[in-house]
Amino acid sequence: MTLTYKIDKPEDILSDCHHTLIDASGANGDSFQLSIVDSMIYDDEGAESYIVLQLVTDGFDERYSITYLKPEMELNDSGFYDVILEESFDDSELQNSEGNIIINHLKGFINSQPDIDDDDDIEED
């Protein structure tokens, strides 16, 4: 049995709008793929940035947004910065009553694979 997988380096992740983060093929012909399909990163104070992830497994294809709101500050008369807009991070679309949806699907994919013996091969692309 051969299990193949590919995980890209972090510095390559946001180089384009569609980027595969994990692409795994299982021994049973099943697959697990996690990709960034859209992103917009803003550096301005008070700006909202987002990343859209797409999870594709056998019979399942869903998209999830993660957003980050950068805080906005203002210099007051005393020479200190006041927070005008608090920062926030929202990954609630990734959560359900059983926890993180992507992690749960990945665990299911891994657990559906047959046991790997020491003499079996694992290939890295």
N, C-alpha and C. Protein backbone atom coordinates (compact mmCIF):
# COMPACT_ATOMS: atom_id res chain seq x y z
N MET A 1 0.83 -1.17 0.00
CA MET A 1 0.00 0.00 0.00
C MET A 1 0.88 1.24 0.00
N THR A 2 0.47 2.25 -0.78
CA THR A 2 1.21 3.50 -0.84
C THR A 2 0.27 4.65 -0.51
N LEU A 3 0.64 5.48 0.42
CA LEU A 3 -0.11 6.68 0.78
C LEU A 3 0.70 7.87 0.30
N THR A 4 0.08 8.76 -0.45
CA THR A 4 0.79 9.94 -0.94
C THR A 4 0.20 11.19 -0.30
N TYR A 5 1.06 12.19 -0.12
CA TYR A 5 0.60 13.45 0.45
C TYR A 5 1.51 14.57 -0.01
N LYS A 6 1.00 15.78 0.09
CA LYS A 6 1.78 16.97 -0.22
C LYS A 6 1.33 18.08 0.70
N ILE A 7 2.26 18.72 1.38
CA ILE A 7 1.96 19.88 2.21
C ILE A 7 2.95 20.97 1.80
N ASP A 8 2.43 22.13 1.40
CA ASP A 8 3.29 23.20 0.92
C ASP A 8 3.89 24.01 2.05
N LYS A 9 4.98 24.68 1.73
CA LYS A 9 5.68 25.53 2.69
C LYS A 9 4.87 26.79 2.98
N PRO A 10 4.88 27.30 4.22
CA PRO A 10 4.08 28.47 4.59
C PRO A 10 4.34 29.70 3.73
N GLU A 11 5.58 29.92 3.29
CA GLU A 11 5.86 31.14 2.52
C GLU A 11 5.21 31.12 1.14
N ASP A 12 4.77 29.95 0.68
CA ASP A 12 4.13 29.84 -0.63
C ASP A 12 2.61 29.98 -0.58
N ILE A 13 2.03 29.99 0.60
CA ILE A 13 0.59 29.84 0.74
C ILE A 13 -0.21 30.97 0.10
N LEU A 14 0.13 32.23 0.34
CA LEU A 14 -0.70 33.33 -0.16
C LEU A 14 -0.13 33.94 -1.44
N SER A 15 0.62 33.16 -2.21
CA SER A 15 1.19 33.69 -3.44
C SER A 15 0.16 33.86 -4.54
N ASP A 16 -0.95 33.15 -4.47
CA ASP A 16 -2.05 33.33 -5.42
C ASP A 16 -3.35 33.03 -4.70
N CYS A 17 -4.47 33.30 -5.37
CA CYS A 17 -5.76 33.14 -4.69
C CYS A 17 -6.22 31.69 -4.58
N HIS A 18 -5.79 30.83 -5.47
CA HIS A 18 -6.15 29.41 -5.32
C HIS A 18 -4.88 28.64 -5.06
N HIS A 19 -4.78 28.14 -3.85
CA HIS A 19 -3.57 27.42 -3.47
C HIS A 19 -3.94 26.21 -2.63
N THR A 20 -3.47 25.06 -3.05
CA THR A 20 -3.74 23.84 -2.31
C THR A 20 -2.80 23.73 -1.12
N LEU A 21 -3.37 23.61 0.07
CA LEU A 21 -2.58 23.46 1.29
C LEU A 21 -2.27 21.99 1.56
N ILE A 22 -3.28 21.14 1.46
CA ILE A 22 -3.12 19.70 1.69
C ILE A 22 -3.83 18.97 0.55
N ASP A 23 -3.14 18.01 -0.04
CA ASP A 23 -3.73 17.17 -1.08
C ASP A 23 -3.29 15.75 -0.79
N ALA A 24 -4.20 14.92 -0.28
CA ALA A 24 -3.86 13.56 0.11
C ALA A 24 -4.76 12.57 -0.60
N SER A 25 -4.16 11.50 -1.08
CA SER A 25 -4.89 10.40 -1.70
C SER A 25 -4.76 9.19 -0.80
N GLY A 26 -5.88 8.57 -0.50
CA GLY A 26 -5.87 7.42 0.39
C GLY A 26 -5.71 6.12 -0.35
N ALA A 27 -5.47 5.07 0.41
CA ALA A 27 -5.27 3.73 -0.13
C ALA A 27 -6.53 3.18 -0.76
N ASN A 28 -7.68 3.67 -0.34
CA ASN A 28 -8.97 3.18 -0.84
C ASN A 28 -9.49 3.99 -2.01
N GLY A 29 -8.65 4.87 -2.57
CA GLY A 29 -9.09 5.73 -3.67
C GLY A 29 -9.78 6.99 -3.19
N ASP A 30 -9.86 7.18 -1.88
CA ASP A 30 -10.48 8.38 -1.33
C ASP A 30 -9.46 9.51 -1.30
N SER A 31 -9.95 10.72 -1.06
CA SER A 31 -9.06 11.87 -1.09
C SER A 31 -9.46 12.90 -0.05
N PHE A 32 -8.50 13.78 0.26
CA PHE A 32 -8.71 14.89 1.18
C PHE A 32 -7.94 16.07 0.60
N GLN A 33 -8.64 17.17 0.35
CA GLN A 33 -7.97 18.34 -0.20
C GLN A 33 -8.47 19.59 0.53
N LEU A 34 -7.51 20.42 0.97
CA LEU A 34 -7.81 21.68 1.61
C LEU A 34 -7.08 22.77 0.84
N SER A 35 -7.82 23.78 0.39
CA SER A 35 -7.24 24.84 -0.44
C SER A 35 -7.70 26.21 0.03
N ILE A 36 -6.86 27.21 -0.25
CA ILE A 36 -7.29 28.61 -0.16
C ILE A 36 -7.83 28.97 -1.53
N VAL A 37 -9.09 29.37 -1.60
CA VAL A 37 -9.70 29.70 -2.89
C VAL A 37 -9.92 31.19 -3.07
N ASP A 38 -9.80 31.95 -2.01
CA ASP A 38 -9.93 33.40 -2.13
C ASP A 38 -9.30 34.02 -0.88
N SER A 39 -8.69 35.19 -1.06
CA SER A 39 -8.14 35.89 0.09
C SER A 39 -7.98 37.36 -0.25
N MET A 40 -8.08 38.17 0.77
CA MET A 40 -7.83 39.60 0.65
C MET A 40 -7.24 40.04 1.98
N ILE A 41 -5.99 40.45 1.95
CA ILE A 41 -5.29 40.85 3.15
C ILE A 41 -5.03 42.35 3.09
N TYR A 42 -5.55 43.07 4.09
CA TYR A 42 -5.37 44.51 4.17
C TYR A 42 -4.49 44.85 5.37
N ASP A 43 -3.64 45.84 5.22
CA ASP A 43 -2.74 46.25 6.29
C ASP A 43 -3.23 47.51 7.00
N ASP A 44 -4.25 48.17 6.49
CA ASP A 44 -4.75 49.42 7.06
C ASP A 44 -5.44 49.18 8.41
N GLU A 45 -5.32 50.16 9.30
CA GLU A 45 -6.04 50.09 10.56
C GLU A 45 -7.54 50.04 10.30
N GLY A 46 -8.24 49.19 11.06
CA GLY A 46 -9.68 49.07 10.93
C GLY A 46 -10.15 48.25 9.74
N ALA A 47 -9.22 47.73 8.96
CA ALA A 47 -9.59 46.96 7.76
C ALA A 47 -9.87 45.50 8.13
N GLU A 48 -10.77 44.92 7.36
CA GLU A 48 -11.10 43.50 7.54
C GLU A 48 -10.45 42.69 6.44
N SER A 49 -9.68 41.69 6.82
CA SER A 49 -9.04 40.78 5.88
C SER A 49 -9.75 39.43 5.99
N TYR A 50 -9.66 38.63 4.92
CA TYR A 50 -10.30 37.33 4.97
C TYR A 50 -9.55 36.31 4.12
N ILE A 51 -9.77 35.07 4.46
CA ILE A 51 -9.30 33.92 3.69
C ILE A 51 -10.48 32.97 3.57
N VAL A 52 -10.70 32.44 2.38
CA VAL A 52 -11.75 31.45 2.16
C VAL A 52 -11.08 30.10 1.89
N LEU A 53 -11.40 29.12 2.73
CA LEU A 53 -10.87 27.77 2.58
C LEU A 53 -11.91 26.88 1.93
N GLN A 54 -11.46 25.97 1.09
CA GLN A 54 -12.35 24.98 0.49
C GLN A 54 -11.87 23.60 0.92
N LEU A 55 -12.79 22.82 1.47
CA LEU A 55 -12.51 21.45 1.89
C LEU A 55 -13.24 20.51 0.95
N VAL A 56 -12.48 19.63 0.30
CA VAL A 56 -13.07 18.65 -0.61
C VAL A 56 -12.62 17.26 -0.15
N THR A 57 -13.58 16.45 0.24
CA THR A 57 -13.34 15.04 0.52
C THR A 57 -14.40 14.28 -0.27
N ASP A 58 -14.32 12.99 -0.27
CA ASP A 58 -15.28 12.21 -1.05
C ASP A 58 -16.71 12.53 -0.62
N GLY A 59 -17.49 13.08 -1.54
CA GLY A 59 -18.88 13.42 -1.27
C GLY A 59 -19.09 14.69 -0.48
N PHE A 60 -18.06 15.47 -0.25
CA PHE A 60 -18.17 16.67 0.58
C PHE A 60 -17.36 17.78 -0.07
N ASP A 61 -17.99 18.95 -0.27
CA ASP A 61 -17.30 20.11 -0.87
C ASP A 61 -17.91 21.36 -0.24
N GLU A 62 -17.17 21.97 0.67
CA GLU A 62 -17.66 23.14 1.38
C GLU A 62 -16.59 24.22 1.45
N ARG A 63 -17.05 25.48 1.62
CA ARG A 63 -16.15 26.62 1.78
C ARG A 63 -16.40 27.29 3.12
N TYR A 64 -15.30 27.79 3.72
CA TYR A 64 -15.37 28.43 5.03
C TYR A 64 -14.54 29.70 5.01
N SER A 65 -15.07 30.76 5.59
CA SER A 65 -14.36 32.04 5.66
C SER A 65 -13.77 32.24 7.05
N ILE A 66 -12.56 32.79 7.06
CA ILE A 66 -11.92 33.23 8.29
C ILE A 66 -11.65 34.71 8.10
N THR A 67 -12.07 35.53 9.06
CA THR A 67 -11.87 36.97 8.93
C THR A 67 -11.07 37.51 10.12
N TYR A 68 -10.35 38.58 9.83
CA TYR A 68 -9.57 39.27 10.85
C TYR A 68 -9.80 40.77 10.67
N LEU A 69 -10.19 41.43 11.74
CA LEU A 69 -10.39 42.87 11.74
C LEU A 69 -9.23 43.50 12.49
N LYS A 70 -8.45 44.30 11.77
CA LYS A 70 -7.28 44.95 12.37
C LYS A 70 -7.74 46.11 13.24
N PRO A 71 -7.15 46.26 14.42
CA PRO A 71 -7.59 47.33 15.32
C PRO A 71 -7.27 48.71 14.75
N GLU A 72 -8.06 49.67 15.18
CA GLU A 72 -7.83 51.06 14.78
C GLU A 72 -7.48 51.85 16.04
N MET A 73 -6.41 52.63 15.94
CA MET A 73 -5.93 53.40 17.09
C MET A 73 -5.97 54.89 16.76
N GLU A 74 -6.02 55.69 17.84
CA GLU A 74 -6.00 57.14 17.66
C GLU A 74 -5.14 57.74 18.77
N LEU A 75 -4.29 58.66 18.41
CA LEU A 75 -3.44 59.33 19.39
C LEU A 75 -4.28 60.37 20.14
N ASN A 76 -4.30 60.26 21.47
CA ASN A 76 -5.10 61.21 22.24
C ASN A 76 -4.25 62.43 22.64
N ASP A 77 -4.84 63.38 23.33
CA ASP A 77 -4.17 64.62 23.73
C ASP A 77 -3.03 64.40 24.72
N SER A 78 -3.05 63.27 25.42
CA SER A 78 -2.01 62.96 26.40
C SER A 78 -0.81 62.26 25.77
N GLY A 79 -0.87 62.01 24.47
CA GLY A 79 0.24 61.35 23.79
C GLY A 79 0.18 59.83 23.82
N PHE A 80 -0.96 59.28 24.23
CA PHE A 80 -1.16 57.83 24.26
C PHE A 80 -2.16 57.43 23.18
N TYR A 81 -2.08 56.20 22.78
CA TYR A 81 -3.02 55.70 21.77
C TYR A 81 -4.25 55.10 22.44
N ASP A 82 -5.40 55.49 21.94
CA ASP A 82 -6.67 54.91 22.37
C ASP A 82 -7.14 53.95 21.27
N VAL A 83 -7.72 52.85 21.71
CA VAL A 83 -8.28 51.89 20.75
C VAL A 83 -9.65 52.39 20.34
N ILE A 84 -9.81 52.66 19.07
CA ILE A 84 -11.09 53.12 18.53
C ILE A 84 -11.93 51.92 18.09
N LEU A 85 -11.24 50.93 17.51
CA LEU A 85 -11.90 49.72 17.02
C LEU A 85 -11.07 48.52 17.46
N GLU A 86 -11.66 47.63 18.24
CA GLU A 86 -10.96 46.45 18.75
C GLU A 86 -10.69 45.47 17.61
N GLU A 87 -9.58 44.74 17.72
CA GLU A 87 -9.30 43.70 16.75
C GLU A 87 -10.22 42.51 17.01
N SER A 88 -10.49 41.75 15.96
CA SER A 88 -11.28 40.55 16.13
C SER A 88 -10.86 39.50 15.11
N PHE A 89 -11.03 38.25 15.49
CA PHE A 89 -10.71 37.11 14.64
C PHE A 89 -11.93 36.21 14.66
N ASP A 90 -12.45 35.85 13.49
CA ASP A 90 -13.67 35.06 13.42
C ASP A 90 -13.44 33.83 12.55
N ASP A 91 -13.42 32.67 13.19
CA ASP A 91 -13.34 31.41 12.46
C ASP A 91 -14.54 30.53 12.79
N SER A 92 -15.64 31.17 13.17
CA SER A 92 -16.84 30.44 13.60
C SER A 92 -17.41 29.53 12.52
N GLU A 93 -17.19 29.84 11.25
CA GLU A 93 -17.69 28.96 10.18
C GLU A 93 -16.99 27.60 10.19
N LEU A 94 -15.82 27.53 10.81
CA LEU A 94 -15.07 26.27 10.87
C LEU A 94 -15.53 25.38 12.03
N GLN A 95 -16.42 25.89 12.87
CA GLN A 95 -16.81 25.17 14.08
C GLN A 95 -18.24 24.64 13.97
N ASN A 96 -18.45 23.47 14.55
CA ASN A 96 -19.80 22.95 14.76
C ASN A 96 -19.84 22.34 16.15
N SER A 97 -20.91 21.65 16.47
CA SER A 97 -21.05 21.12 17.83
C SER A 97 -20.00 20.06 18.16
N GLU A 98 -19.34 19.51 17.14
CA GLU A 98 -18.33 18.47 17.36
C GLU A 98 -16.91 19.03 17.31
N GLY A 99 -16.75 20.35 17.14
CA GLY A 99 -15.43 20.96 17.10
C GLY A 99 -15.11 21.53 15.73
N ASN A 100 -13.82 21.50 15.38
CA ASN A 100 -13.35 22.06 14.10
C ASN A 100 -13.70 21.11 12.97
N ILE A 101 -14.47 21.59 11.99
CA ILE A 101 -14.97 20.76 10.89
C ILE A 101 -13.82 20.17 10.08
N ILE A 102 -12.82 20.98 9.74
CA ILE A 102 -11.71 20.50 8.91
C ILE A 102 -10.92 19.43 9.65
N ILE A 103 -10.62 19.67 10.92
CA ILE A 103 -9.87 18.68 11.72
C ILE A 103 -10.66 17.38 11.82
N ASN A 104 -11.95 17.47 12.03
CA ASN A 104 -12.77 16.26 12.13
C ASN A 104 -12.79 15.47 10.83
N HIS A 105 -12.88 16.16 9.69
CA HIS A 105 -12.84 15.47 8.39
C HIS A 105 -11.46 14.84 8.15
N LEU A 106 -10.39 15.54 8.54
CA LEU A 106 -9.05 15.00 8.38
C LEU A 106 -8.86 13.76 9.25
N LYS A 107 -9.34 13.80 10.48
CA LYS A 107 -9.26 12.62 11.35
C LYS A 107 -10.03 11.45 10.74
N GLY A 108 -11.22 11.74 10.19
CA GLY A 108 -12.00 10.69 9.54
C GLY A 108 -11.29 10.09 8.34
N PHE A 109 -10.64 10.94 7.54
CA PHE A 109 -9.87 10.47 6.39
C PHE A 109 -8.72 9.57 6.85
N ILE A 110 -7.97 10.03 7.84
CA ILE A 110 -6.83 9.25 8.34
C ILE A 110 -7.29 7.93 8.94
N ASN A 111 -8.36 7.97 9.74
CA ASN A 111 -8.85 6.75 10.39
C ASN A 111 -9.44 5.75 9.42
N SER A 112 -9.83 6.21 8.21
CA SER A 112 -10.39 5.29 7.20
C SER A 112 -9.31 4.55 6.43
N GLN A 113 -8.05 4.92 6.65
CA GLN A 113 -6.94 4.28 5.94
C GLN A 113 -6.54 2.99 6.66
N PRO A 114 -6.12 1.98 5.87
CA PRO A 114 -5.64 0.76 6.52
C PRO A 114 -4.35 1.05 7.28
N ASP A 115 -4.06 0.21 8.25
CA ASP A 115 -2.82 0.36 9.02
C ASP A 115 -1.63 0.22 8.09
N ILE A 116 -0.60 1.03 8.35
CA ILE A 116 0.63 0.99 7.55
C ILE A 116 1.66 0.15 8.30
N ASP A 117 2.16 -0.89 7.64
CA ASP A 117 3.22 -1.71 8.23
C ASP A 117 4.55 -1.01 8.03
N ASP A 118 5.52 -1.39 8.81
CA ASP A 118 6.85 -0.79 8.71
C ASP A 118 7.47 -0.96 7.34
N ASP A 119 7.13 -2.04 6.63
CA ASP A 119 7.75 -2.27 5.33
C ASP A 119 6.96 -1.65 4.17
N ASP A 120 5.83 -1.00 4.45
CA ASP A 120 5.08 -0.30 3.41
C ASP A 120 5.71 1.07 3.13
N ASP A 121 5.47 1.59 1.95
CA ASP A 121 6.06 2.86 1.54
C ASP A 121 5.10 4.01 1.78
N ILE A 122 5.64 5.14 2.19
CA ILE A 122 4.93 6.41 2.22
C ILE A 122 5.70 7.34 1.31
N GLU A 123 5.01 7.91 0.33
CA GLU A 123 5.66 8.78 -0.63
C GLU A 123 5.32 10.23 -0.35
N GLU A 124 6.31 11.10 -0.48
CA GLU A 124 6.10 12.55 -0.38
C GLU A 124 6.32 13.13 -1.75
N ASP A 125 5.33 13.89 -2.24
CA ASP A 125 5.47 14.56 -3.55
C ASP A 125 6.36 15.76 -3.42
